[in-house]
Amino acid sequence: MNIDPVKSGFEEAGWKNLQPGSHFGIEFDLVGERRFLAKWNVLIKVLPLLDGTTVNMWKVNFESISNRSKSLILGRCFLLCLLAEDVSPQVSETLSADSFGLFGIFRLKGGGGNVLVGNVKNGGVYGEVPSLPYDLHKFSKSAKEIILQTVGPSRIPLHPLPSLPNSGPPSLPSSGPPSLPNSGPPPLPAKEDIHRS
């Protein structure tokens, strides 16, 4: 998967320093940051397949990042965006339009995160966009829209239908049945006939 459109979308939305890197010892394809009351990170990972084993591994990673981002004063908040090139049928059944129950939201005072999953194969984007707190809502909504634009159905080019070869001989101009004598509207009276009446 080409990650450049994803990177551009997040940069346009105000995320800074987007580049490959690690966050709390876990490697990501892109790590970015921004501030809004607290420090926020976006963590983007492209996965060839999201199956049961991969889900369990990322649940552990998500909980580890969440726990390590906590602070009594102002913790570090994050969005974990998993972009799966394919999703196994078992995992796909657990995904729904807005939530997926795999990770949930781990957002308490002093840090935490949210998870969004993009399915590159079918163009779906899954994960909650909670209404509160405001910063979590704002960044989750924006990230979901960016992922949808880059992996969603709108990124799949429309292919025109193939043109069918003409069937039968080409039509000729003014081809059709010959006109019959005395068919059609009656002739108009001549000018001189109009003046006599």
N, C-alpha and C. Protein backbone atom coordinates (compact mmCIF):
# COMPACT_ATOMS: atom_id res chain seq x y z
N MET A 1 0.84 -1.18 0.00
CA MET A 1 0.00 0.00 0.00
C MET A 1 0.88 1.24 0.00
N ASN A 2 0.51 2.21 -0.81
CA ASN A 2 1.22 3.48 -0.85
C ASN A 2 0.74 4.34 0.32
N ILE A 3 1.63 4.64 1.24
CA ILE A 3 1.28 5.38 2.46
C ILE A 3 1.30 6.90 2.24
N ASP A 4 1.84 7.37 1.12
CA ASP A 4 1.97 8.81 0.88
C ASP A 4 0.64 9.57 0.93
N PRO A 5 -0.46 9.07 0.31
CA PRO A 5 -1.73 9.82 0.43
C PRO A 5 -2.23 9.92 1.87
N VAL A 6 -1.98 8.89 2.67
CA VAL A 6 -2.38 8.92 4.08
C VAL A 6 -1.58 10.00 4.80
N LYS A 7 -0.27 10.00 4.55
CA LYS A 7 0.60 11.00 5.18
C LYS A 7 0.16 12.41 4.79
N SER A 8 -0.10 12.64 3.52
CA SER A 8 -0.53 13.97 3.05
C SER A 8 -1.83 14.39 3.71
N GLY A 9 -2.79 13.46 3.82
CA GLY A 9 -4.07 13.77 4.45
C GLY A 9 -3.91 14.20 5.90
N PHE A 10 -3.06 13.51 6.65
CA PHE A 10 -2.86 13.87 8.06
C PHE A 10 -2.09 15.20 8.18
N GLU A 11 -1.14 15.43 7.28
CA GLU A 11 -0.41 16.71 7.31
C GLU A 11 -1.36 17.87 7.02
N GLU A 12 -2.26 17.69 6.05
CA GLU A 12 -3.23 18.74 5.74
C GLU A 12 -4.17 19.00 6.91
N ALA A 13 -4.40 17.97 7.73
CA ALA A 13 -5.29 18.12 8.89
C ALA A 13 -4.57 18.70 10.11
N GLY A 14 -3.27 19.01 9.97
CA GLY A 14 -2.56 19.67 11.06
C GLY A 14 -1.60 18.81 11.85
N TRP A 15 -1.42 17.55 11.49
CA TRP A 15 -0.46 16.70 12.19
C TRP A 15 0.94 17.04 11.72
N LYS A 16 1.89 17.03 12.64
CA LYS A 16 3.28 17.42 12.36
C LYS A 16 4.21 16.22 12.48
N ASN A 17 5.38 16.38 11.86
CA ASN A 17 6.49 15.41 11.98
C ASN A 17 6.08 13.97 11.66
N LEU A 18 5.26 13.80 10.63
CA LEU A 18 4.84 12.45 10.24
C LEU A 18 5.98 11.73 9.54
N GLN A 19 6.43 10.65 10.16
CA GLN A 19 7.52 9.86 9.59
C GLN A 19 7.54 8.49 10.24
N PRO A 20 8.22 7.53 9.59
CA PRO A 20 8.34 6.21 10.22
C PRO A 20 9.05 6.35 11.56
N GLY A 21 8.62 5.56 12.53
CA GLY A 21 9.27 5.63 13.84
C GLY A 21 8.64 4.68 14.82
N SER A 22 9.08 4.78 16.07
CA SER A 22 8.53 3.93 17.12
C SER A 22 7.89 4.80 18.18
N HIS A 23 6.94 4.20 18.87
CA HIS A 23 6.25 4.87 19.95
C HIS A 23 6.16 3.87 21.10
N PHE A 24 6.80 4.19 22.20
CA PHE A 24 6.91 3.27 23.34
C PHE A 24 7.43 1.91 22.89
N GLY A 25 8.42 1.92 21.99
CA GLY A 25 9.09 0.68 21.58
C GLY A 25 8.38 -0.12 20.50
N ILE A 26 7.28 0.37 19.96
CA ILE A 26 6.54 -0.33 18.91
C ILE A 26 6.73 0.42 17.60
N GLU A 27 7.13 -0.30 16.56
CA GLU A 27 7.41 0.32 15.26
C GLU A 27 6.13 0.61 14.48
N PHE A 28 6.11 1.80 13.84
CA PHE A 28 4.97 2.22 13.03
C PHE A 28 5.47 2.74 11.68
N ASP A 29 4.58 2.66 10.68
CA ASP A 29 4.91 3.20 9.37
C ASP A 29 4.92 4.72 9.41
N LEU A 30 4.04 5.31 10.22
CA LEU A 30 4.02 6.77 10.41
C LEU A 30 3.68 7.07 11.87
N VAL A 31 4.41 8.03 12.42
CA VAL A 31 4.12 8.57 13.75
C VAL A 31 4.09 10.08 13.59
N GLY A 32 3.00 10.70 14.04
CA GLY A 32 2.87 12.15 13.97
C GLY A 32 2.41 12.70 15.31
N GLU A 33 2.42 14.01 15.43
CA GLU A 33 2.04 14.63 16.70
C GLU A 33 1.33 15.94 16.48
N ARG A 34 0.60 16.34 17.52
CA ARG A 34 -0.01 17.67 17.58
C ARG A 34 -0.45 17.92 19.01
N ARG A 35 -0.76 19.15 19.31
CA ARG A 35 -1.19 19.52 20.67
C ARG A 35 -2.60 20.05 20.65
N PHE A 36 -3.36 19.65 21.66
CA PHE A 36 -4.67 20.23 21.94
C PHE A 36 -4.96 19.88 23.39
N LEU A 37 -4.73 20.77 24.28
CA LEU A 37 -4.81 20.56 25.73
C LEU A 37 -3.79 19.54 26.20
N ALA A 38 -3.64 18.45 25.49
CA ALA A 38 -2.64 17.43 25.80
C ALA A 38 -1.87 17.13 24.53
N LYS A 39 -0.77 16.42 24.67
CA LYS A 39 -0.02 16.02 23.49
C LYS A 39 -0.72 14.80 22.87
N TRP A 40 -0.90 14.85 21.57
CA TRP A 40 -1.53 13.76 20.82
C TRP A 40 -0.54 13.18 19.82
N ASN A 41 -0.62 11.87 19.63
CA ASN A 41 0.14 11.19 18.59
C ASN A 41 -0.82 10.42 17.72
N VAL A 42 -0.51 10.37 16.42
CA VAL A 42 -1.21 9.47 15.52
C VAL A 42 -0.20 8.38 15.18
N LEU A 43 -0.63 7.13 15.30
CA LEU A 43 0.23 5.97 15.08
C LEU A 43 -0.39 5.14 13.96
N ILE A 44 0.30 5.06 12.83
CA ILE A 44 -0.27 4.40 11.65
C ILE A 44 0.57 3.19 11.29
N LYS A 45 -0.11 2.06 11.16
CA LYS A 45 0.57 0.80 10.82
C LYS A 45 -0.18 0.13 9.69
N VAL A 46 0.55 -0.24 8.63
CA VAL A 46 -0.03 -0.99 7.51
C VAL A 46 0.22 -2.48 7.78
N LEU A 47 -0.86 -3.26 7.70
CA LEU A 47 -0.77 -4.70 7.94
C LEU A 47 -1.20 -5.45 6.68
N PRO A 48 -0.45 -6.48 6.29
CA PRO A 48 -0.87 -7.25 5.11
C PRO A 48 -2.19 -8.00 5.36
N LEU A 49 -2.39 -8.47 6.60
CA LEU A 49 -3.60 -9.22 6.94
C LEU A 49 -3.96 -8.97 8.39
N LEU A 50 -5.22 -8.68 8.63
CA LEU A 50 -5.73 -8.56 10.00
C LEU A 50 -6.54 -9.81 10.28
N ASP A 51 -5.93 -10.73 11.01
CA ASP A 51 -6.61 -11.98 11.38
C ASP A 51 -6.63 -12.09 12.91
N GLY A 52 -7.11 -13.20 13.42
CA GLY A 52 -7.23 -13.36 14.86
C GLY A 52 -5.92 -13.17 15.60
N THR A 53 -4.84 -13.73 15.08
CA THR A 53 -3.53 -13.61 15.72
C THR A 53 -3.07 -12.16 15.73
N THR A 54 -3.22 -11.48 14.59
CA THR A 54 -2.80 -10.08 14.49
C THR A 54 -3.64 -9.19 15.41
N VAL A 55 -4.94 -9.46 15.48
CA VAL A 55 -5.81 -8.69 16.37
C VAL A 55 -5.35 -8.82 17.81
N ASN A 56 -5.07 -10.05 18.24
CA ASN A 56 -4.61 -10.26 19.62
C ASN A 56 -3.30 -9.53 19.90
N MET A 57 -2.38 -9.57 18.92
CA MET A 57 -1.10 -8.87 19.09
C MET A 57 -1.33 -7.37 19.24
N TRP A 58 -2.24 -6.79 18.41
CA TRP A 58 -2.47 -5.35 18.47
C TRP A 58 -3.31 -4.95 19.67
N LYS A 59 -4.11 -5.87 20.20
CA LYS A 59 -4.80 -5.57 21.47
C LYS A 59 -3.78 -5.38 22.59
N VAL A 60 -2.78 -6.27 22.62
CA VAL A 60 -1.73 -6.17 23.64
C VAL A 60 -0.94 -4.88 23.44
N ASN A 61 -0.59 -4.57 22.19
CA ASN A 61 0.14 -3.33 21.90
C ASN A 61 -0.67 -2.11 22.31
N PHE A 62 -1.97 -2.12 21.99
CA PHE A 62 -2.85 -1.00 22.32
C PHE A 62 -2.91 -0.78 23.84
N GLU A 63 -3.09 -1.85 24.58
CA GLU A 63 -3.16 -1.72 26.05
C GLU A 63 -1.83 -1.25 26.62
N SER A 64 -0.73 -1.74 26.04
CA SER A 64 0.59 -1.34 26.51
C SER A 64 0.81 0.15 26.27
N ILE A 65 0.49 0.62 25.07
CA ILE A 65 0.65 2.04 24.76
C ILE A 65 -0.26 2.88 25.66
N SER A 66 -1.50 2.42 25.84
CA SER A 66 -2.45 3.15 26.69
C SER A 66 -1.93 3.28 28.11
N ASN A 67 -1.47 2.18 28.68
CA ASN A 67 -0.97 2.22 30.06
C ASN A 67 0.27 3.09 30.19
N ARG A 68 1.15 3.04 29.21
CA ARG A 68 2.39 3.81 29.28
C ARG A 68 2.17 5.29 28.98
N SER A 69 1.06 5.62 28.36
CA SER A 69 0.79 7.03 28.03
C SER A 69 0.13 7.77 29.19
N LYS A 70 -0.22 7.05 30.23
CA LYS A 70 -0.92 7.66 31.37
C LYS A 70 0.02 8.51 32.21
N SER A 71 -0.56 9.58 32.76
CA SER A 71 0.15 10.46 33.67
C SER A 71 -0.89 11.06 34.61
N LEU A 72 -0.49 11.38 35.82
CA LEU A 72 -1.44 11.97 36.76
C LEU A 72 -1.83 13.38 36.35
N ILE A 73 -0.96 14.07 35.64
CA ILE A 73 -1.26 15.45 35.27
C ILE A 73 -1.85 15.48 33.87
N LEU A 74 -1.04 15.49 32.87
CA LEU A 74 -1.48 15.47 31.48
C LEU A 74 -0.75 14.34 30.78
N GLY A 75 -1.47 13.32 30.44
CA GLY A 75 -0.85 12.20 29.74
C GLY A 75 -0.77 12.46 28.25
N ARG A 76 -0.32 11.44 27.55
CA ARG A 76 -0.20 11.51 26.11
C ARG A 76 -1.36 10.71 25.51
N CYS A 77 -2.09 11.34 24.63
CA CYS A 77 -3.22 10.70 23.98
C CYS A 77 -2.80 10.27 22.58
N PHE A 78 -3.50 9.27 22.03
CA PHE A 78 -3.10 8.78 20.72
C PHE A 78 -4.27 8.20 19.95
N LEU A 79 -4.09 8.19 18.62
CA LEU A 79 -4.97 7.47 17.71
C LEU A 79 -4.14 6.38 17.08
N LEU A 80 -4.59 5.15 17.21
CA LEU A 80 -3.94 4.01 16.57
C LEU A 80 -4.74 3.70 15.31
N CYS A 81 -4.12 3.85 14.15
CA CYS A 81 -4.78 3.60 12.87
C CYS A 81 -4.13 2.40 12.21
N LEU A 82 -4.88 1.31 12.14
CA LEU A 82 -4.40 0.09 11.49
C LEU A 82 -5.00 0.04 10.10
N LEU A 83 -4.15 -0.01 9.08
CA LEU A 83 -4.62 -0.09 7.70
C LEU A 83 -4.31 -1.49 7.20
N ALA A 84 -5.36 -2.32 7.14
CA ALA A 84 -5.19 -3.72 6.76
C ALA A 84 -5.45 -3.90 5.27
N GLU A 85 -4.49 -4.48 4.57
CA GLU A 85 -4.68 -4.74 3.15
C GLU A 85 -5.73 -5.82 2.92
N ASP A 86 -5.92 -6.68 3.90
CA ASP A 86 -6.96 -7.70 3.84
C ASP A 86 -7.38 -8.02 5.28
N VAL A 87 -8.62 -8.44 5.45
CA VAL A 87 -9.14 -8.80 6.76
C VAL A 87 -9.73 -10.20 6.65
N SER A 88 -9.36 -11.06 7.59
CA SER A 88 -9.87 -12.43 7.55
C SER A 88 -11.38 -12.43 7.76
N PRO A 89 -12.09 -13.44 7.24
CA PRO A 89 -13.55 -13.49 7.41
C PRO A 89 -13.98 -13.48 8.88
N GLN A 90 -13.23 -14.14 9.75
CA GLN A 90 -13.59 -14.18 11.17
C GLN A 90 -13.53 -12.79 11.79
N VAL A 91 -12.48 -12.04 11.48
CA VAL A 91 -12.35 -10.69 12.03
C VAL A 91 -13.36 -9.76 11.35
N SER A 92 -13.57 -9.97 10.05
CA SER A 92 -14.49 -9.12 9.30
C SER A 92 -15.89 -9.17 9.89
N GLU A 93 -16.29 -10.32 10.42
CA GLU A 93 -17.62 -10.45 11.02
C GLU A 93 -17.77 -9.58 12.26
N THR A 94 -16.66 -9.30 12.95
CA THR A 94 -16.75 -8.49 14.17
C THR A 94 -16.74 -6.99 13.88
N LEU A 95 -16.42 -6.62 12.63
CA LEU A 95 -16.40 -5.20 12.29
C LEU A 95 -17.80 -4.75 11.92
N SER A 96 -18.15 -3.54 12.31
CA SER A 96 -19.43 -2.96 11.91
C SER A 96 -19.16 -1.54 11.45
N ALA A 97 -20.19 -0.83 11.10
CA ALA A 97 -20.01 0.50 10.51
C ALA A 97 -19.28 1.47 11.44
N ASP A 98 -19.59 1.44 12.74
CA ASP A 98 -18.99 2.45 13.62
C ASP A 98 -18.19 1.91 14.80
N SER A 99 -18.36 0.66 15.13
CA SER A 99 -17.58 0.13 16.25
C SER A 99 -17.25 -1.31 15.97
N PHE A 100 -16.28 -1.84 16.66
CA PHE A 100 -15.88 -3.20 16.35
C PHE A 100 -15.56 -4.04 17.56
N GLY A 101 -15.57 -3.49 18.72
CA GLY A 101 -15.44 -4.29 19.92
C GLY A 101 -14.13 -5.01 20.09
N LEU A 102 -13.12 -4.72 19.26
CA LEU A 102 -11.84 -5.41 19.39
C LEU A 102 -10.97 -4.75 20.45
N PHE A 103 -10.98 -3.45 20.48
CA PHE A 103 -10.11 -2.71 21.38
C PHE A 103 -10.89 -1.83 22.34
N GLY A 104 -11.91 -1.17 21.82
CA GLY A 104 -12.65 -0.20 22.62
C GLY A 104 -11.84 1.07 22.80
N ILE A 105 -12.38 1.97 23.54
CA ILE A 105 -11.69 3.25 23.78
C ILE A 105 -11.07 3.17 25.16
N PHE A 106 -9.83 3.54 25.24
CA PHE A 106 -9.13 3.54 26.51
C PHE A 106 -8.75 4.97 26.79
N ARG A 107 -9.71 5.77 27.19
CA ARG A 107 -9.49 7.21 27.35
C ARG A 107 -9.98 7.64 28.72
N LEU A 108 -9.09 7.75 29.64
CA LEU A 108 -9.44 8.26 30.95
C LEU A 108 -8.62 9.53 31.18
N LYS A 109 -8.78 10.13 32.31
CA LYS A 109 -7.98 11.33 32.59
C LYS A 109 -6.51 10.97 32.53
N GLY A 110 -5.74 11.85 31.89
CA GLY A 110 -4.30 11.66 31.89
C GLY A 110 -3.78 10.75 30.80
N GLY A 111 -4.45 10.68 29.67
CA GLY A 111 -3.91 9.91 28.55
C GLY A 111 -4.83 8.79 28.11
N GLY A 112 -4.45 8.12 27.04
CA GLY A 112 -5.23 7.02 26.50
C GLY A 112 -5.37 7.14 25.00
N GLY A 113 -6.15 6.24 24.41
CA GLY A 113 -6.23 6.27 22.97
C GLY A 113 -7.50 5.71 22.38
N ASN A 114 -7.56 5.74 21.06
CA ASN A 114 -8.68 5.23 20.28
C ASN A 114 -8.10 4.49 19.08
N VAL A 115 -8.86 3.54 18.55
CA VAL A 115 -8.40 2.73 17.43
C VAL A 115 -9.35 2.89 16.25
N LEU A 116 -8.77 3.05 15.05
CA LEU A 116 -9.51 3.04 13.81
C LEU A 116 -8.87 2.00 12.90
N VAL A 117 -9.69 1.25 12.19
CA VAL A 117 -9.20 0.22 11.28
C VAL A 117 -9.70 0.51 9.88
N GLY A 118 -8.78 0.58 8.93
CA GLY A 118 -9.14 0.74 7.53
C GLY A 118 -8.93 -0.57 6.81
N ASN A 119 -9.96 -1.04 6.10
CA ASN A 119 -9.88 -2.28 5.32
C ASN A 119 -9.65 -1.88 3.87
N VAL A 120 -8.41 -2.01 3.40
CA VAL A 120 -8.05 -1.56 2.06
C VAL A 120 -8.80 -2.37 1.00
N LYS A 121 -9.04 -3.64 1.27
CA LYS A 121 -9.68 -4.52 0.28
C LYS A 121 -11.11 -4.10 -0.03
N ASN A 122 -11.91 -3.79 1.00
CA ASN A 122 -13.31 -3.44 0.75
C ASN A 122 -13.60 -1.95 0.95
N GLY A 123 -12.61 -1.18 1.35
CA GLY A 123 -12.80 0.27 1.49
C GLY A 123 -13.51 0.70 2.76
N GLY A 124 -13.71 -0.20 3.71
CA GLY A 124 -14.40 0.15 4.95
C GLY A 124 -13.47 0.77 5.98
N VAL A 125 -14.02 1.63 6.82
CA VAL A 125 -13.28 2.21 7.94
C VAL A 125 -14.12 1.98 9.18
N TYR A 126 -13.51 1.40 10.21
CA TYR A 126 -14.23 1.00 11.40
C TYR A 126 -13.58 1.61 12.63
N GLY A 127 -14.41 1.92 13.60
CA GLY A 127 -13.94 2.49 14.85
C GLY A 127 -14.90 3.56 15.31
N GLU A 128 -14.90 3.81 16.58
CA GLU A 128 -15.83 4.78 17.15
C GLU A 128 -15.31 6.20 17.02
N VAL A 129 -16.26 7.11 16.81
CA VAL A 129 -15.98 8.54 16.89
C VAL A 129 -16.85 9.04 18.05
N PRO A 130 -16.32 8.97 19.27
CA PRO A 130 -17.12 9.38 20.43
C PRO A 130 -17.40 10.87 20.42
N SER A 131 -18.52 11.25 21.01
CA SER A 131 -18.88 12.66 21.03
C SER A 131 -18.07 13.45 22.07
N LEU A 132 -17.61 12.79 23.11
CA LEU A 132 -16.80 13.45 24.15
C LEU A 132 -15.64 12.55 24.51
N PRO A 133 -14.56 13.08 24.95
CA PRO A 133 -14.20 14.49 25.03
C PRO A 133 -13.99 15.09 23.64
N TYR A 134 -14.02 16.41 23.59
CA TYR A 134 -14.00 17.11 22.31
C TYR A 134 -12.78 16.76 21.47
N ASP A 135 -11.59 16.75 22.09
CA ASP A 135 -10.38 16.48 21.31
C ASP A 135 -10.39 15.08 20.71
N LEU A 136 -10.85 14.11 21.45
CA LEU A 136 -10.94 12.74 20.94
C LEU A 136 -11.94 12.67 19.79
N HIS A 137 -13.06 13.36 19.93
CA HIS A 137 -14.06 13.40 18.86
C HIS A 137 -13.47 14.04 17.60
N LYS A 138 -12.86 15.20 17.79
CA LYS A 138 -12.31 15.95 16.65
C LYS A 138 -11.26 15.15 15.89
N PHE A 139 -10.30 14.58 16.60
CA PHE A 139 -9.20 13.88 15.94
C PHE A 139 -9.65 12.53 15.38
N SER A 140 -10.55 11.84 16.08
CA SER A 140 -11.05 10.56 15.56
C SER A 140 -11.87 10.76 14.28
N LYS A 141 -12.72 11.79 14.30
CA LYS A 141 -13.54 12.07 13.11
C LYS A 141 -12.67 12.43 11.92
N SER A 142 -11.71 13.29 12.14
CA SER A 142 -10.80 13.71 11.07
C SER A 142 -10.01 12.52 10.53
N ALA A 143 -9.47 11.69 11.42
CA ALA A 143 -8.68 10.53 10.99
C ALA A 143 -9.53 9.55 10.21
N LYS A 144 -10.77 9.34 10.66
CA LYS A 144 -11.66 8.41 9.96
C LYS A 144 -11.95 8.91 8.54
N GLU A 145 -12.16 10.22 8.40
CA GLU A 145 -12.40 10.80 7.08
C GLU A 145 -11.18 10.67 6.17
N ILE A 146 -9.99 10.89 6.73
CA ILE A 146 -8.75 10.77 5.95
C ILE A 146 -8.57 9.33 5.49
N ILE A 147 -8.77 8.39 6.39
CA ILE A 147 -8.61 6.97 6.02
C ILE A 147 -9.64 6.59 4.98
N LEU A 148 -10.87 7.05 5.14
CA LEU A 148 -11.91 6.74 4.16
C LEU A 148 -11.55 7.29 2.78
N GLN A 149 -10.98 8.49 2.74
CA GLN A 149 -10.58 9.08 1.46
C GLN A 149 -9.44 8.31 0.81
N THR A 150 -8.57 7.69 1.61
CA THR A 150 -7.41 7.03 1.04
C THR A 150 -7.60 5.53 0.83
N VAL A 151 -8.49 4.89 1.57
CA VAL A 151 -8.72 3.46 1.35
C VAL A 151 -10.17 3.16 0.98
N GLY A 152 -11.04 4.15 1.09
CA GLY A 152 -12.46 3.94 0.86
C GLY A 152 -12.83 3.77 -0.61
N PRO A 153 -14.12 3.55 -0.86
CA PRO A 153 -14.60 3.30 -2.21
C PRO A 153 -14.29 4.43 -3.20
N SER A 154 -14.16 5.66 -2.72
CA SER A 154 -13.91 6.77 -3.63
C SER A 154 -12.52 6.69 -4.26
N ARG A 155 -11.61 5.93 -3.66
CA ARG A 155 -10.28 5.81 -4.23
C ARG A 155 -10.22 4.77 -5.33
N ILE A 156 -11.29 3.96 -5.50
CA ILE A 156 -11.32 2.94 -6.54
C ILE A 156 -11.79 3.60 -7.83
N PRO A 157 -10.94 3.59 -8.88
CA PRO A 157 -11.35 4.26 -10.12
C PRO A 157 -12.52 3.54 -10.77
N LEU A 158 -13.42 4.34 -11.32
CA LEU A 158 -14.55 3.76 -12.03
C LEU A 158 -14.10 3.39 -13.43
N HIS A 159 -14.47 2.19 -13.86
CA HIS A 159 -14.11 1.73 -15.19
C HIS A 159 -15.33 1.85 -16.08
N PRO A 160 -15.20 2.50 -17.25
CA PRO A 160 -16.34 2.60 -18.15
C PRO A 160 -16.68 1.24 -18.72
N LEU A 161 -17.94 1.07 -19.03
CA LEU A 161 -18.35 -0.19 -19.65
C LEU A 161 -17.71 -0.30 -21.02
N PRO A 162 -17.33 -1.52 -21.42
CA PRO A 162 -16.73 -1.65 -22.75
C PRO A 162 -17.77 -1.33 -23.81
N SER A 163 -17.31 -0.70 -24.90
CA SER A 163 -18.24 -0.36 -25.97
C SER A 163 -18.54 -1.62 -26.77
N LEU A 164 -19.78 -1.79 -27.09
CA LEU A 164 -20.20 -2.96 -27.86
C LEU A 164 -20.08 -2.65 -29.34
N PRO A 165 -19.65 -3.62 -30.14
CA PRO A 165 -19.59 -3.36 -31.57
C PRO A 165 -21.00 -3.17 -32.11
N ASN A 166 -21.12 -2.35 -33.14
CA ASN A 166 -22.44 -2.11 -33.73
C ASN A 166 -22.99 -3.41 -34.29
N SER A 167 -24.24 -3.65 -34.03
CA SER A 167 -24.84 -4.86 -34.58
C SER A 167 -25.67 -4.47 -35.79
N GLY A 168 -25.51 -5.20 -36.86
CA GLY A 168 -26.26 -4.94 -38.08
C GLY A 168 -25.59 -3.87 -38.91
N PRO A 169 -26.14 -3.59 -40.09
CA PRO A 169 -25.55 -2.58 -40.97
C PRO A 169 -25.78 -1.19 -40.41
N PRO A 170 -24.90 -0.27 -40.75
CA PRO A 170 -25.07 1.10 -40.25
C PRO A 170 -26.32 1.72 -40.84
N SER A 171 -26.94 2.59 -40.06
CA SER A 171 -28.14 3.24 -40.57
C SER A 171 -27.75 4.35 -41.53
N LEU A 172 -28.56 4.53 -42.58
CA LEU A 172 -28.31 5.56 -43.59
C LEU A 172 -29.16 6.77 -43.28
N PRO A 173 -28.69 7.95 -43.67
CA PRO A 173 -29.52 9.13 -43.46
C PRO A 173 -30.80 9.00 -44.25
N SER A 174 -31.87 9.46 -43.71
CA SER A 174 -33.22 9.41 -44.28
C SER A 174 -33.58 8.00 -44.72
N SER A 175 -33.03 7.01 -44.00
CA SER A 175 -33.50 5.67 -44.32
C SER A 175 -34.74 5.40 -43.50
N GLY A 176 -35.63 4.68 -43.99
CA GLY A 176 -36.88 4.38 -43.34
C GLY A 176 -37.90 4.07 -44.42
N PRO A 177 -39.11 3.91 -44.06
CA PRO A 177 -40.11 3.59 -45.08
C PRO A 177 -40.32 4.77 -46.01
N PRO A 178 -40.57 4.49 -47.30
CA PRO A 178 -40.80 5.59 -48.24
C PRO A 178 -42.12 6.28 -47.91
N SER A 179 -42.19 7.57 -48.20
CA SER A 179 -43.43 8.29 -47.92
C SER A 179 -44.47 7.92 -48.98
N LEU A 180 -45.71 7.85 -48.55
CA LEU A 180 -46.83 7.48 -49.43
C LEU A 180 -47.43 8.74 -50.03
N PRO A 181 -47.95 8.63 -51.25
CA PRO A 181 -48.59 9.81 -51.82
C PRO A 181 -49.82 10.19 -51.00
N ASN A 182 -50.13 11.47 -50.92
CA ASN A 182 -51.25 12.03 -50.18
C ASN A 182 -51.22 11.69 -48.69
N SER A 183 -50.04 11.39 -48.15
CA SER A 183 -49.95 11.17 -46.71
C SER A 183 -49.33 12.41 -46.10
N GLY A 184 -49.79 12.78 -44.97
CA GLY A 184 -49.26 13.96 -44.32
C GLY A 184 -50.32 15.03 -44.25
N PRO A 185 -50.00 16.21 -43.79
CA PRO A 185 -50.99 17.27 -43.66
C PRO A 185 -51.42 17.79 -45.02
N PRO A 186 -52.63 18.35 -45.11
CA PRO A 186 -53.07 18.89 -46.39
C PRO A 186 -52.23 20.09 -46.77
N PRO A 187 -52.09 20.37 -48.06
CA PRO A 187 -51.28 21.51 -48.48
C PRO A 187 -51.94 22.82 -48.05
N LEU A 188 -51.12 23.83 -47.85
CA LEU A 188 -51.61 25.15 -47.47
C LEU A 188 -52.19 25.82 -48.71
N PRO A 189 -53.20 26.64 -48.53
CA PRO A 189 -53.75 27.33 -49.69
C PRO A 189 -52.75 28.34 -50.24
N ALA A 190 -52.81 28.57 -51.53
CA ALA A 190 -51.91 29.53 -52.17
C ALA A 190 -52.27 30.93 -51.72
N LYS A 191 -51.34 31.90 -51.86
CA LYS A 191 -51.54 33.27 -51.42
C LYS A 191 -52.76 33.89 -52.10
N GLU A 192 -52.87 33.63 -53.37
CA GLU A 192 -53.98 34.25 -54.10
C GLU A 192 -55.31 33.72 -53.64
N ASP A 193 -55.37 32.46 -53.15
CA ASP A 193 -56.64 31.91 -52.65
C ASP A 193 -57.04 32.59 -51.36
N ILE A 194 -56.09 33.03 -50.57
CA ILE A 194 -56.38 33.68 -49.28
C ILE A 194 -57.00 35.05 -49.53
N HIS A 195 -56.51 35.79 -50.55
CA HIS A 195 -57.01 37.14 -50.81
C HIS A 195 -58.42 37.12 -51.41
N ARG A 196 -58.80 36.04 -52.08
CA ARG A 196 -60.14 35.96 -52.70
C ARG A 196 -61.21 35.75 -51.66
N SER A 197 -60.95 35.19 -50.53
CA SER A 197 -62.00 34.89 -49.59
C SER A 197 -62.45 36.09 -48.82
